[in-house]
Amino acid sequence: MKRGLLIILSGPSGVGKGTIRKFFEKSTKLNLAYSTSMTTRKPRVGEVDGVDYFFTTRDKFEQAIKNGDLLEYAEFVGNYYGTPLKEVNRLRDEGKNVLLEIEVQGAIQVQKRCPDALSIFIIPPSMDELERRIRGRRSEPEEIIQQRLAKANHEMKMIKEYKYIVCNDDPKLAAELIETIILRHIELEENK
């Protein structure tokens, strides 16, 4: 059995990564397994532990860092975010194509550790639209919103680090494009 692909879906906060993913994640053609990230932040309304994130304490997260248990991790606005390595390897070894929906700093770490990863960067149609989306969540104070916007400006400069760039002007269209990209890479792997 061929080892599954490692697929990075990344981009600034508020760009719509999760919305896009929901359009194609259940496609049987893609044989996807979604890698659930770990975080120390509190759950937002409607988020489920073990589904949206593994919510954990700062002490447990820092122990996972020390143990080398994370494929990537980052700290932002006082919270850690990271990808459990053991689960990613297990899924890939089972032939699943593992989808990581992660922020830019983590994506760069993964690409260094796994140069075979398929990296896709989602961009907003404009920075004004990105700000509208972040504010539309109504889940964070102004200070955090400003930090997210400043970080997004910096992250947009990292675009050259990715294999593919997809604009999220229409989430369904962006999802269809990403699905096509993934299918093409599956086909290439099968023909090796």
N, C-alpha and C. Protein backbone atom coordinates (compact mmCIF):
# COMPACT_ATOMS: atom_id res chain seq x y z
N MET A 1 0.85 -1.19 0.00
CA MET A 1 0.00 0.00 0.00
C MET A 1 0.89 1.24 0.00
N LYS A 2 0.54 2.19 -0.88
CA LYS A 2 1.30 3.44 -0.94
C LYS A 2 0.98 4.31 0.26
N ARG A 3 2.00 4.99 0.74
CA ARG A 3 1.81 5.94 1.84
C ARG A 3 0.99 7.12 1.32
N GLY A 4 0.11 7.62 2.14
CA GLY A 4 -0.75 8.73 1.74
C GLY A 4 0.00 10.05 1.62
N LEU A 5 -0.60 10.96 0.88
CA LEU A 5 -0.06 12.31 0.72
C LEU A 5 -0.22 13.09 2.03
N LEU A 6 0.63 14.08 2.19
CA LEU A 6 0.48 15.05 3.26
C LEU A 6 0.12 16.36 2.58
N ILE A 7 -1.08 16.89 2.88
CA ILE A 7 -1.61 18.07 2.20
C ILE A 7 -1.74 19.20 3.21
N ILE A 8 -1.12 20.32 2.90
CA ILE A 8 -1.18 21.50 3.76
C ILE A 8 -2.14 22.51 3.14
N LEU A 9 -3.15 22.86 3.90
CA LEU A 9 -4.08 23.92 3.52
C LEU A 9 -3.83 25.06 4.51
N SER A 10 -3.34 26.17 4.00
CA SER A 10 -2.88 27.22 4.88
C SER A 10 -3.28 28.59 4.35
N GLY A 11 -3.07 29.59 5.17
CA GLY A 11 -3.38 30.96 4.81
C GLY A 11 -3.70 31.76 6.05
N PRO A 12 -3.87 33.05 5.92
CA PRO A 12 -4.13 33.90 7.08
C PRO A 12 -5.43 33.53 7.81
N SER A 13 -5.47 33.87 9.07
CA SER A 13 -6.67 33.69 9.87
C SER A 13 -7.82 34.44 9.21
N GLY A 14 -8.98 33.79 9.10
CA GLY A 14 -10.16 34.43 8.53
C GLY A 14 -10.30 34.28 7.03
N VAL A 15 -9.34 33.61 6.38
CA VAL A 15 -9.38 33.49 4.93
C VAL A 15 -10.42 32.47 4.46
N GLY A 16 -10.88 31.61 5.37
CA GLY A 16 -11.93 30.65 5.02
C GLY A 16 -11.45 29.22 4.82
N LYS A 17 -10.33 28.86 5.43
CA LYS A 17 -9.80 27.50 5.28
C LYS A 17 -10.82 26.45 5.68
N GLY A 18 -11.43 26.63 6.84
CA GLY A 18 -12.40 25.65 7.33
C GLY A 18 -13.65 25.57 6.46
N THR A 19 -14.10 26.71 5.98
CA THR A 19 -15.29 26.75 5.10
C THR A 19 -15.00 26.00 3.81
N ILE A 20 -13.85 26.26 3.22
CA ILE A 20 -13.47 25.59 1.97
C ILE A 20 -13.35 24.08 2.19
N ARG A 21 -12.66 23.71 3.26
CA ARG A 21 -12.44 22.29 3.56
C ARG A 21 -13.76 21.52 3.63
N LYS A 22 -14.77 22.13 4.19
CA LYS A 22 -16.06 21.43 4.36
C LYS A 22 -16.70 21.05 3.02
N PHE A 23 -16.34 21.75 1.94
CA PHE A 23 -16.90 21.44 0.63
C PHE A 23 -16.31 20.15 0.03
N PHE A 24 -15.06 19.83 0.36
CA PHE A 24 -14.44 18.68 -0.30
C PHE A 24 -13.95 17.58 0.64
N GLU A 25 -13.99 17.79 1.95
CA GLU A 25 -13.39 16.83 2.86
C GLU A 25 -14.05 15.45 2.86
N LYS A 26 -15.30 15.35 2.47
CA LYS A 26 -15.99 14.06 2.49
C LYS A 26 -15.94 13.34 1.13
N SER A 27 -15.25 13.93 0.16
CA SER A 27 -15.13 13.32 -1.16
C SER A 27 -14.39 11.99 -1.06
N THR A 28 -15.05 10.91 -1.45
CA THR A 28 -14.43 9.58 -1.38
C THR A 28 -13.27 9.46 -2.36
N LYS A 29 -13.28 10.24 -3.43
CA LYS A 29 -12.20 10.19 -4.42
C LYS A 29 -10.87 10.64 -3.82
N LEU A 30 -10.94 11.48 -2.81
CA LEU A 30 -9.71 12.05 -2.23
C LEU A 30 -9.10 11.19 -1.13
N ASN A 31 -9.88 10.26 -0.56
CA ASN A 31 -9.39 9.39 0.51
C ASN A 31 -8.71 10.22 1.61
N LEU A 32 -9.39 11.26 2.06
CA LEU A 32 -8.82 12.19 3.03
C LEU A 32 -9.06 11.77 4.46
N ALA A 33 -8.08 12.10 5.27
CA ALA A 33 -8.23 12.04 6.72
C ALA A 33 -7.83 13.43 7.21
N TYR A 34 -8.69 14.04 7.98
CA TYR A 34 -8.41 15.38 8.49
C TYR A 34 -7.61 15.25 9.77
N SER A 35 -6.50 15.95 9.82
CA SER A 35 -5.68 15.94 11.03
C SER A 35 -6.19 17.01 11.98
N THR A 36 -6.67 16.59 13.11
CA THR A 36 -7.17 17.52 14.12
C THR A 36 -5.99 18.10 14.89
N SER A 37 -5.93 19.42 14.94
CA SER A 37 -4.86 20.11 15.65
C SER A 37 -5.14 20.17 17.14
N MET A 38 -4.08 20.43 17.89
CA MET A 38 -4.16 20.59 19.33
C MET A 38 -3.99 22.08 19.63
N THR A 39 -4.73 22.60 20.60
CA THR A 39 -4.58 24.00 20.98
C THR A 39 -4.82 24.20 22.46
N THR A 40 -4.25 25.31 22.96
CA THR A 40 -4.48 25.69 24.35
C THR A 40 -5.56 26.76 24.46
N ARG A 41 -6.10 27.22 23.32
CA ARG A 41 -7.14 28.25 23.42
C ARG A 41 -8.47 27.62 23.83
N LYS A 42 -9.34 28.46 24.32
CA LYS A 42 -10.67 28.00 24.72
C LYS A 42 -11.52 27.75 23.48
N PRO A 43 -12.43 26.77 23.54
CA PRO A 43 -13.30 26.50 22.38
C PRO A 43 -14.23 27.69 22.09
N ARG A 44 -14.46 27.93 20.79
CA ARG A 44 -15.48 28.91 20.38
C ARG A 44 -16.83 28.20 20.43
N VAL A 45 -17.88 28.97 20.40
CA VAL A 45 -19.24 28.43 20.42
C VAL A 45 -19.39 27.43 19.27
N GLY A 46 -19.85 26.22 19.59
CA GLY A 46 -20.09 25.19 18.58
C GLY A 46 -18.91 24.28 18.32
N GLU A 47 -17.72 24.63 18.78
CA GLU A 47 -16.55 23.77 18.56
C GLU A 47 -16.59 22.58 19.51
N VAL A 48 -16.15 21.44 19.00
CA VAL A 48 -16.20 20.19 19.76
C VAL A 48 -14.78 19.66 19.96
N ASP A 49 -14.45 19.33 21.21
CA ASP A 49 -13.14 18.76 21.53
C ASP A 49 -12.97 17.43 20.81
N GLY A 50 -11.82 17.27 20.14
CA GLY A 50 -11.54 16.04 19.40
C GLY A 50 -12.04 16.07 17.97
N VAL A 51 -12.85 17.07 17.63
CA VAL A 51 -13.36 17.20 16.26
C VAL A 51 -12.74 18.46 15.63
N ASP A 52 -13.02 19.62 16.22
CA ASP A 52 -12.47 20.88 15.70
C ASP A 52 -11.00 21.04 16.12
N TYR A 53 -10.73 20.73 17.36
CA TYR A 53 -9.39 20.76 17.95
C TYR A 53 -9.36 19.76 19.09
N PHE A 54 -8.13 19.41 19.51
CA PHE A 54 -7.94 18.77 20.80
C PHE A 54 -7.59 19.92 21.73
N PHE A 55 -8.52 20.29 22.61
CA PHE A 55 -8.29 21.39 23.53
C PHE A 55 -7.52 20.84 24.73
N THR A 56 -6.42 21.50 25.09
CA THR A 56 -5.56 21.00 26.15
C THR A 56 -5.01 22.15 26.97
N THR A 57 -4.27 21.81 28.01
CA THR A 57 -3.66 22.82 28.87
C THR A 57 -2.29 23.22 28.31
N ARG A 58 -1.82 24.35 28.75
CA ARG A 58 -0.50 24.84 28.35
C ARG A 58 0.59 23.86 28.80
N ASP A 59 0.49 23.35 30.01
CA ASP A 59 1.49 22.40 30.53
C ASP A 59 1.57 21.14 29.67
N LYS A 60 0.42 20.58 29.31
CA LYS A 60 0.41 19.37 28.48
C LYS A 60 0.95 19.65 27.09
N PHE A 61 0.63 20.82 26.55
CA PHE A 61 1.14 21.17 25.22
C PHE A 61 2.66 21.31 25.26
N GLU A 62 3.18 21.99 26.27
CA GLU A 62 4.62 22.18 26.38
C GLU A 62 5.34 20.84 26.58
N GLN A 63 4.69 19.91 27.25
CA GLN A 63 5.27 18.57 27.40
C GLN A 63 5.32 17.87 26.04
N ALA A 64 4.30 18.03 25.22
CA ALA A 64 4.28 17.44 23.87
C ALA A 64 5.41 18.03 23.02
N ILE A 65 5.69 19.32 23.18
CA ILE A 65 6.81 19.95 22.46
C ILE A 65 8.12 19.30 22.90
N LYS A 66 8.33 19.20 24.21
CA LYS A 66 9.57 18.60 24.75
C LYS A 66 9.75 17.17 24.29
N ASN A 67 8.65 16.43 24.19
CA ASN A 67 8.72 15.02 23.80
C ASN A 67 8.88 14.82 22.29
N GLY A 68 8.79 15.91 21.51
CA GLY A 68 8.89 15.79 20.06
C GLY A 68 7.64 15.16 19.45
N ASP A 69 6.51 15.34 20.11
CA ASP A 69 5.25 14.71 19.69
C ASP A 69 4.48 15.51 18.64
N LEU A 70 5.01 16.68 18.23
CA LEU A 70 4.28 17.54 17.30
C LEU A 70 5.03 17.67 15.97
N LEU A 71 4.29 17.55 14.87
CA LEU A 71 4.86 17.77 13.54
C LEU A 71 5.20 19.24 13.37
N GLU A 72 4.37 20.09 13.91
CA GLU A 72 4.59 21.53 13.88
C GLU A 72 3.81 22.15 15.03
N TYR A 73 4.24 23.35 15.41
CA TYR A 73 3.47 24.09 16.41
C TYR A 73 3.83 25.57 16.31
N ALA A 74 2.96 26.38 16.85
CA ALA A 74 3.19 27.82 16.88
C ALA A 74 2.43 28.39 18.08
N GLU A 75 2.85 29.55 18.50
CA GLU A 75 2.15 30.26 19.56
C GLU A 75 1.65 31.57 18.98
N PHE A 76 0.37 31.87 19.23
CA PHE A 76 -0.22 33.11 18.74
C PHE A 76 -1.21 33.63 19.76
N VAL A 77 -1.17 34.91 20.02
CA VAL A 77 -1.99 35.61 21.01
C VAL A 77 -2.15 34.80 22.31
N GLY A 78 -1.01 34.29 22.77
CA GLY A 78 -0.99 33.61 24.06
C GLY A 78 -1.44 32.16 24.05
N ASN A 79 -1.73 31.61 22.89
CA ASN A 79 -2.16 30.21 22.81
C ASN A 79 -1.28 29.43 21.85
N TYR A 80 -1.08 28.16 22.17
CA TYR A 80 -0.36 27.25 21.29
C TYR A 80 -1.32 26.55 20.35
N TYR A 81 -0.82 26.24 19.15
CA TYR A 81 -1.53 25.43 18.16
C TYR A 81 -0.51 24.45 17.60
N GLY A 82 -0.89 23.20 17.38
CA GLY A 82 0.06 22.24 16.83
C GLY A 82 -0.60 20.99 16.28
N THR A 83 0.21 20.20 15.55
CA THR A 83 -0.27 18.98 14.90
C THR A 83 0.39 17.76 15.52
N PRO A 84 -0.38 16.84 16.12
CA PRO A 84 0.19 15.62 16.69
C PRO A 84 0.82 14.74 15.59
N LEU A 85 2.11 14.48 15.71
CA LEU A 85 2.88 13.73 14.71
C LEU A 85 2.45 12.27 14.59
N LYS A 86 2.24 11.62 15.71
CA LYS A 86 1.93 10.19 15.72
C LYS A 86 0.67 9.88 14.88
N GLU A 87 -0.33 10.71 15.04
CA GLU A 87 -1.60 10.50 14.32
C GLU A 87 -1.42 10.71 12.82
N VAL A 88 -0.65 11.72 12.43
CA VAL A 88 -0.40 11.98 11.01
C VAL A 88 0.31 10.78 10.38
N ASN A 89 1.34 10.28 11.04
CA ASN A 89 2.08 9.14 10.51
C ASN A 89 1.21 7.89 10.41
N ARG A 90 0.38 7.66 11.42
CA ARG A 90 -0.50 6.49 11.41
C ARG A 90 -1.45 6.54 10.21
N LEU A 91 -2.07 7.68 10.00
CA LEU A 91 -3.02 7.83 8.89
C LEU A 91 -2.33 7.69 7.53
N ARG A 92 -1.18 8.31 7.38
CA ARG A 92 -0.44 8.20 6.10
C ARG A 92 -0.01 6.76 5.85
N ASP A 93 0.43 6.07 6.89
CA ASP A 93 0.85 4.67 6.74
C ASP A 93 -0.31 3.77 6.35
N GLU A 94 -1.54 4.18 6.71
CA GLU A 94 -2.74 3.44 6.32
C GLU A 94 -3.18 3.77 4.89
N GLY A 95 -2.42 4.64 4.21
CA GLY A 95 -2.75 5.01 2.83
C GLY A 95 -3.68 6.19 2.71
N LYS A 96 -4.03 6.81 3.84
CA LYS A 96 -4.91 7.99 3.80
C LYS A 96 -4.11 9.22 3.39
N ASN A 97 -4.77 10.13 2.69
CA ASN A 97 -4.18 11.42 2.36
C ASN A 97 -4.54 12.38 3.48
N VAL A 98 -3.54 12.80 4.23
CA VAL A 98 -3.77 13.58 5.45
C VAL A 98 -3.80 15.07 5.14
N LEU A 99 -4.89 15.70 5.53
CA LEU A 99 -5.09 17.13 5.32
C LEU A 99 -4.79 17.89 6.61
N LEU A 100 -3.83 18.80 6.53
CA LEU A 100 -3.52 19.69 7.64
C LEU A 100 -4.07 21.07 7.32
N GLU A 101 -4.93 21.56 8.16
CA GLU A 101 -5.43 22.93 8.02
C GLU A 101 -4.72 23.74 9.09
N ILE A 102 -3.62 24.40 8.69
CA ILE A 102 -2.75 25.03 9.68
C ILE A 102 -2.36 26.44 9.25
N GLU A 103 -1.84 27.18 10.24
CA GLU A 103 -1.42 28.55 9.95
C GLU A 103 -0.04 28.53 9.30
N VAL A 104 0.37 29.68 8.82
CA VAL A 104 1.55 29.79 7.96
C VAL A 104 2.84 29.35 8.65
N GLN A 105 3.08 29.78 9.87
CA GLN A 105 4.32 29.41 10.57
C GLN A 105 4.44 27.89 10.67
N GLY A 106 3.35 27.23 11.00
CA GLY A 106 3.35 25.77 11.09
C GLY A 106 3.55 25.12 9.73
N ALA A 107 2.96 25.70 8.70
CA ALA A 107 3.09 25.15 7.35
C ALA A 107 4.54 25.16 6.89
N ILE A 108 5.26 26.21 7.22
CA ILE A 108 6.68 26.30 6.84
C ILE A 108 7.47 25.22 7.57
N GLN A 109 7.16 24.99 8.85
CA GLN A 109 7.83 23.92 9.62
C GLN A 109 7.58 22.56 8.98
N VAL A 110 6.34 22.30 8.60
CA VAL A 110 5.99 21.00 8.00
C VAL A 110 6.74 20.81 6.69
N GLN A 111 6.80 21.85 5.87
CA GLN A 111 7.47 21.74 4.58
C GLN A 111 8.96 21.45 4.75
N LYS A 112 9.57 21.95 5.82
CA LYS A 112 10.98 21.65 6.08
C LYS A 112 11.15 20.20 6.50
N ARG A 113 10.23 19.70 7.32
CA ARG A 113 10.32 18.30 7.80
C ARG A 113 9.85 17.30 6.77
N CYS A 114 8.90 17.70 5.93
CA CYS A 114 8.30 16.82 4.92
C CYS A 114 8.29 17.52 3.57
N PRO A 115 9.43 17.53 2.87
CA PRO A 115 9.49 18.26 1.59
C PRO A 115 8.54 17.72 0.52
N ASP A 116 8.01 16.51 0.73
CA ASP A 116 7.06 15.94 -0.23
C ASP A 116 5.63 16.43 -0.02
N ALA A 117 5.42 17.28 0.99
CA ALA A 117 4.06 17.76 1.29
C ALA A 117 3.53 18.62 0.15
N LEU A 118 2.25 18.49 -0.12
CA LEU A 118 1.54 19.29 -1.12
C LEU A 118 1.02 20.53 -0.39
N SER A 119 1.55 21.71 -0.73
CA SER A 119 1.20 22.93 0.00
C SER A 119 0.31 23.85 -0.83
N ILE A 120 -0.80 24.26 -0.21
CA ILE A 120 -1.79 25.12 -0.86
C ILE A 120 -2.05 26.32 0.05
N PHE A 121 -1.84 27.51 -0.49
CA PHE A 121 -2.02 28.75 0.26
C PHE A 121 -3.31 29.41 -0.20
N ILE A 122 -4.21 29.69 0.73
CA ILE A 122 -5.47 30.35 0.43
C ILE A 122 -5.29 31.85 0.67
N ILE A 123 -5.65 32.64 -0.33
CA ILE A 123 -5.58 34.09 -0.17
C ILE A 123 -7.00 34.67 -0.21
N PRO A 124 -7.19 35.81 0.46
CA PRO A 124 -8.50 36.48 0.39
C PRO A 124 -8.57 37.30 -0.89
N PRO A 125 -9.79 37.66 -1.34
CA PRO A 125 -9.90 38.51 -2.52
C PRO A 125 -9.28 39.89 -2.28
N SER A 126 -9.26 40.33 -1.02
CA SER A 126 -8.63 41.60 -0.65
C SER A 126 -8.41 41.60 0.86
N MET A 127 -7.56 42.47 1.33
CA MET A 127 -7.33 42.57 2.78
C MET A 127 -8.55 43.17 3.48
N ASP A 128 -9.30 44.02 2.78
CA ASP A 128 -10.54 44.57 3.36
C ASP A 128 -11.54 43.45 3.61
N GLU A 129 -11.64 42.52 2.66
CA GLU A 129 -12.56 41.39 2.82
C GLU A 129 -12.11 40.49 3.97
N LEU A 130 -10.81 40.29 4.08
CA LEU A 130 -10.29 39.48 5.19
C LEU A 130 -10.67 40.11 6.53
N GLU A 131 -10.51 41.42 6.64
CA GLU A 131 -10.88 42.11 7.88
C GLU A 131 -12.37 41.94 8.16
N ARG A 132 -13.20 42.07 7.13
CA ARG A 132 -14.65 41.90 7.31
C ARG A 132 -14.96 40.51 7.85
N ARG A 133 -14.30 39.48 7.34
CA ARG A 133 -14.54 38.10 7.78
C ARG A 133 -14.11 37.90 9.24
N ILE A 134 -12.94 38.42 9.59
CA ILE A 134 -12.45 38.27 10.96
C ILE A 134 -13.39 38.98 11.93
N ARG A 135 -13.81 40.19 11.58
CA ARG A 135 -14.74 40.92 12.45
C ARG A 135 -16.11 40.25 12.51
N GLY A 136 -16.50 39.61 11.42
CA GLY A 136 -17.79 38.94 11.35
C GLY A 136 -17.93 37.77 12.31
N ARG A 137 -16.81 37.22 12.75
CA ARG A 137 -16.87 36.12 13.73
C ARG A 137 -17.44 36.58 15.07
N ARG A 138 -17.17 37.84 15.41
CA ARG A 138 -17.62 38.42 16.67
C ARG A 138 -17.20 37.57 17.87
N SER A 139 -16.00 37.02 17.79
CA SER A 139 -15.56 36.13 18.87
C SER A 139 -14.34 36.65 19.61
N GLU A 140 -13.80 37.81 19.18
CA GLU A 140 -12.56 38.27 19.79
C GLU A 140 -12.58 39.77 20.01
N PRO A 141 -11.84 40.25 21.01
CA PRO A 141 -11.76 41.69 21.26
C PRO A 141 -10.94 42.39 20.17
N GLU A 142 -11.07 43.70 20.10
CA GLU A 142 -10.40 44.51 19.07
C GLU A 142 -8.88 44.28 19.05
N GLU A 143 -8.28 44.17 20.21
CA GLU A 143 -6.82 43.96 20.29
C GLU A 143 -6.40 42.69 19.53
N ILE A 144 -7.15 41.62 19.70
CA ILE A 144 -6.84 40.35 19.02
C ILE A 144 -7.10 40.49 17.52
N ILE A 145 -8.16 41.17 17.15
CA ILE A 145 -8.47 41.39 15.73
C ILE A 145 -7.30 42.13 15.07
N GLN A 146 -6.79 43.16 15.73
CA GLN A 146 -5.68 43.93 15.18
C GLN A 146 -4.42 43.05 15.05
N GLN A 147 -4.19 42.17 16.03
CA GLN A 147 -3.05 41.25 15.96
C GLN A 147 -3.21 40.28 14.79
N ARG A 148 -4.42 39.78 14.60
CA ARG A 148 -4.67 38.86 13.48
C ARG A 148 -4.45 39.56 12.13
N LEU A 149 -4.89 40.80 12.01
CA LEU A 149 -4.72 41.54 10.76
C LEU A 149 -3.25 41.83 10.48
N ALA A 150 -2.51 42.21 11.52
CA ALA A 150 -1.07 42.47 11.35
C ALA A 150 -0.35 41.18 10.94
N LYS A 151 -0.72 40.07 11.57
CA LYS A 151 -0.12 38.79 11.24
C LYS A 151 -0.46 38.39 9.80
N ALA A 152 -1.69 38.64 9.38
CA ALA A 152 -2.11 38.30 8.02
C ALA A 152 -1.28 39.07 6.99
N ASN A 153 -1.01 40.33 7.26
CA ASN A 153 -0.17 41.12 6.34
C ASN A 153 1.21 40.49 6.20
N HIS A 154 1.77 40.05 7.30
CA HIS A 154 3.08 39.38 7.28
C HIS A 154 2.99 38.04 6.54
N GLU A 155 1.94 37.27 6.82
CA GLU A 155 1.80 35.94 6.21
C GLU A 155 1.62 36.00 4.70
N MET A 156 0.99 37.04 4.21
CA MET A 156 0.80 37.16 2.77
C MET A 156 2.14 37.23 2.03
N LYS A 157 3.18 37.66 2.73
CA LYS A 157 4.52 37.72 2.13
C LYS A 157 5.15 36.32 2.00
N MET A 158 4.56 35.33 2.65
CA MET A 158 5.10 33.96 2.63
C MET A 158 4.54 33.15 1.46
N ILE A 159 3.78 33.76 0.62
CA ILE A 159 3.08 33.09 -0.47
C ILE A 159 4.03 32.28 -1.36
N LYS A 160 5.25 32.77 -1.52
CA LYS A 160 6.21 32.10 -2.40
C LYS A 160 6.69 30.75 -1.86
N GLU A 161 6.39 30.46 -0.60
CA GLU A 161 6.81 29.20 0.02
C GLU A 161 5.88 28.04 -0.34
N TYR A 162 4.80 28.31 -1.05
CA TYR A 162 3.78 27.30 -1.34
C TYR A 162 3.79 26.88 -2.80
N LYS A 163 3.37 25.65 -3.02
CA LYS A 163 3.31 25.12 -4.39
C LYS A 163 2.13 25.71 -5.16
N TYR A 164 0.97 25.86 -4.49
CA TYR A 164 -0.24 26.38 -5.13
C TYR A 164 -0.82 27.53 -4.33
N ILE A 165 -1.46 28.47 -5.05
CA ILE A 165 -2.14 29.60 -4.44
C ILE A 165 -3.57 29.61 -4.98
N VAL A 166 -4.55 29.67 -4.06
CA VAL A 166 -5.96 29.67 -4.44
C VAL A 166 -6.64 30.85 -3.77
N CYS A 167 -7.35 31.66 -4.54
CA CYS A 167 -8.09 32.79 -4.00
C CYS A 167 -9.48 32.34 -3.54
N ASN A 168 -9.83 32.70 -2.33
CA ASN A 168 -11.15 32.37 -1.81
C ASN A 168 -12.10 33.55 -1.98
N ASP A 169 -12.52 33.75 -3.21
CA ASP A 169 -13.55 34.74 -3.50
C ASP A 169 -14.91 34.05 -3.42
N ASP A 170 -14.93 32.79 -3.83
CA ASP A 170 -16.12 31.94 -3.79
C ASP A 170 -15.68 30.60 -3.20
N PRO A 171 -16.06 30.30 -1.95
CA PRO A 171 -15.57 29.09 -1.28
C PRO A 171 -15.83 27.80 -2.05
N LYS A 172 -16.97 27.67 -2.69
CA LYS A 172 -17.27 26.45 -3.44
C LYS A 172 -16.33 26.30 -4.63
N LEU A 173 -16.08 27.37 -5.33
CA LEU A 173 -15.16 27.35 -6.47
C LEU A 173 -13.73 27.06 -6.00
N ALA A 174 -13.32 27.69 -4.91
CA ALA A 174 -11.98 27.45 -4.36
C ALA A 174 -11.84 25.98 -3.97
N ALA A 175 -12.87 25.42 -3.37
CA ALA A 175 -12.85 24.01 -2.97
C ALA A 175 -12.73 23.09 -4.19
N GLU A 176 -13.46 23.41 -5.25
CA GLU A 176 -13.38 22.60 -6.47
C GLU A 176 -11.98 22.63 -7.06
N LEU A 177 -11.36 23.78 -7.04
CA LEU A 177 -9.99 23.91 -7.54
C LEU A 177 -9.02 23.09 -6.69
N ILE A 178 -9.15 23.18 -5.37
CA ILE A 178 -8.28 22.43 -4.47
C ILE A 178 -8.49 20.93 -4.66
N GLU A 179 -9.73 20.51 -4.81
CA GLU A 179 -10.02 19.10 -5.05
C GLU A 179 -9.32 18.62 -6.33
N THR A 180 -9.36 19.42 -7.37
CA THR A 180 -8.69 19.08 -8.64
C THR A 180 -7.18 18.96 -8.44
N ILE A 181 -6.59 19.88 -7.69
CA ILE A 181 -5.16 19.83 -7.40
C ILE A 181 -4.80 18.54 -6.67
N ILE A 182 -5.57 18.20 -5.64
CA ILE A 182 -5.29 17.00 -4.87
C ILE A 182 -5.44 15.75 -5.74
N LEU A 183 -6.51 15.69 -6.53
CA LEU A 183 -6.72 14.53 -7.41
C LEU A 183 -5.56 14.36 -8.38
N ARG A 184 -5.05 15.45 -8.90
CA ARG A 184 -3.91 15.39 -9.82
C ARG A 184 -2.68 14.80 -9.12
N HIS A 185 -2.45 15.19 -7.88
CA HIS A 185 -1.30 14.67 -7.14
C HIS A 185 -1.48 13.20 -6.76
N ILE A 186 -2.70 12.80 -6.48
CA ILE A 186 -2.98 11.38 -6.22
C ILE A 186 -2.64 10.57 -7.47
N GLU A 187 -3.09 11.08 -8.60
CA GLU A 187 -2.83 10.41 -9.88
C GLU A 187 -1.32 10.30 -10.15
N LEU A 188 -0.60 11.37 -9.89
CA LEU A 188 0.86 11.35 -10.09
C LEU A 188 1.53 10.32 -9.20
N GLU A 189 1.09 10.23 -7.94
CA GLU A 189 1.66 9.26 -7.01
C GLU A 189 1.37 7.82 -7.45
N GLU A 190 0.16 7.59 -7.94
CA GLU A 190 -0.22 6.25 -8.37
C GLU A 190 0.57 5.80 -9.58
N ASN A 191 1.03 6.75 -10.40
CA ASN A 191 1.77 6.43 -11.62
C ASN A 191 3.28 6.36 -11.41
N LYS A 192 3.71 6.52 -10.18
CA LYS A 192 5.16 6.43 -9.90
C LYS A 192 5.63 5.00 -9.93
